Amino acid sequence: MSLHPVILSGGSGTRLWPLSRAALPKQLLPLASDRTMLQETVIRLGGMDEIGAPLVICNNDHRFLIAEQLREIGVQPLGIFLEPIGRNTAPAAAVAALTLLGRDPDAVMLLLPADHLINDVPAFHAAITEGMKAVALGRLVTFGIVPDSAHTGYGYIQRGARLGDTAAHEVARFVEKPDAETAGQFLASGDYFWNSGMFLFSARQFVEELGLYRPDILAACQRALEAGERDLDFCRLDRAAFDACPSDSIDYALMERTLKAAVVPAEIGWNDIGAWSALWDVGRKDADDNVVRGDVYLDGVKGSYVRAEARMVAAIGVENLLIVETNDAVLVADKSRAQDVKKVVDYLKRAGRSEYEFHTRVFRPWGWYEGIDMGERFQVKRIMVKPGHKLSLQMHHHRAEHWIVVSGTARVTRDGQEELITENQSTYIPLGTTHRLENPGKVPLHLIEVQSGSYLGEDDIVRFEDVYKRG
């Protein structure tokens, strides 16, 4: 049996606002180390025998960021599959299983969320080894985290009889998130585990069982794959077929129904980083139980998580707070209210504000842009274009643009005419002009863009040609 990791990267991480946002969610951020959660998820698989390249399933909007982050750690994925709409984990797993079966009839898939923290990697590898033994016995395996507290934020799995000489057990039952008293009873019994959302299946057996219990999901995913298409380095699922697929989790669609479910106990230093308080839980604390990241000054502060991304943060005489600063927002919350951060995101959506979705620095496949200033009829941005990359050939109905090169070389196309401009040189793009910006050099191109006009929204773009095949 060959092992194939499947990385599920469709979450939005709203409880980690203002750092995690829809356009740059928590799995694509360096939250607990200098690498992103996605990169850590892939890296911790290193050292295992006979493990294949990862297959990633993600949101369409994140495809270039994910490809770039994998490239940074030297990983060539087996494929990056793009979901046109979120449909929970069961359809994502079905897409992966059908894809792997087409390549390897004996494939075993290890499904891993891209945004979990695992501190004990050897124990994680050992749990997978035990899980493979259970898969060989015809079982669909989930990993149950050995609990260290009566946590009410997780679902629980009760173990049944042990399976032969493996560490796996039959699943007696799945339990929804309990109240505090019930969670305490579960902890005391020693027979319950936290539901981690990590799974290990034979791809063939998963397809067979899903066809038995949720044939509608399986059929929709087959149609989405068959009607899908290649898009650069990505596999784009057919929108109509995937839109018609029911949305359901692996637990509800299959694991709570099948007679073949097994659980492998895992004591692996796991945390799903579901809120800012989780980063305080797992972080390195100072003498006053504070976890600090960035340019921070503390005086008389205790039991707090303080993170500065763009500016210095000073805190004096406070306790048990979450303080997170970014370029355009600051979060201050009592640590016990960490789950309520999602209410801020809900408010921003209702108010039609952009801070729930974008940072001031917005990443694009060609590089990034960052807002510096804006006012009545003008906006100023910093732009970085990666070497060898170019923006779409485009036109604006409502704005003109001035570009000033700070460093690097720009190739500018204006109504079919090309020119090269370099450091300290500038050019002007009148309203209605068809234009393109390109970096033909070997170093990043940095420039300042000044927009002026009656409407400056990002949707005032008419694209005529785009190497990234955006709409």
Foldseek 3Di string as FASTA:
>chain_A
DAEEEEEEEADQLLLAPPVGFALQHQLLDDQQHPAGLLLVVQVLVPPDPRYDFYEYEYAPSCVLSVVVSCVVVPGDHPAYEHAPDDQAALLVLLLVLVVVCVVDVQYKYKYDYSQKDFDFSVLVSVLVVLVVVLQVVVFKEFEFELDPALDQPFKKWFFDDDDPPGLKGFTPAIGHRDDSVVSVVVNVVSRMGGGDLIIMHRSVSSLVQLCVQPVQSNVLSVQQQVPWDDFPRHIYGDNVSSVPHHRDYCCVSGQRPDRRYMYRYGHGRMDSCSFPLVSLVPADADPQSEHEEDQEAEECEHNEYAYEDDDYYYDYNYYQWYWYDDPPDIDIDRNVCSSCSSVVLVVCVVVVHCSNHDDQWRADSQGIKGWDDDDQFKTKIKDKGAAPDKFFFKAFQWKKKKKAWQAAKKWKAWQRDTDIDGHRDMDIHDHGIGMMIHHNDNGMTIIMMMMGGNDDDPVRIDGDGGSNPDD
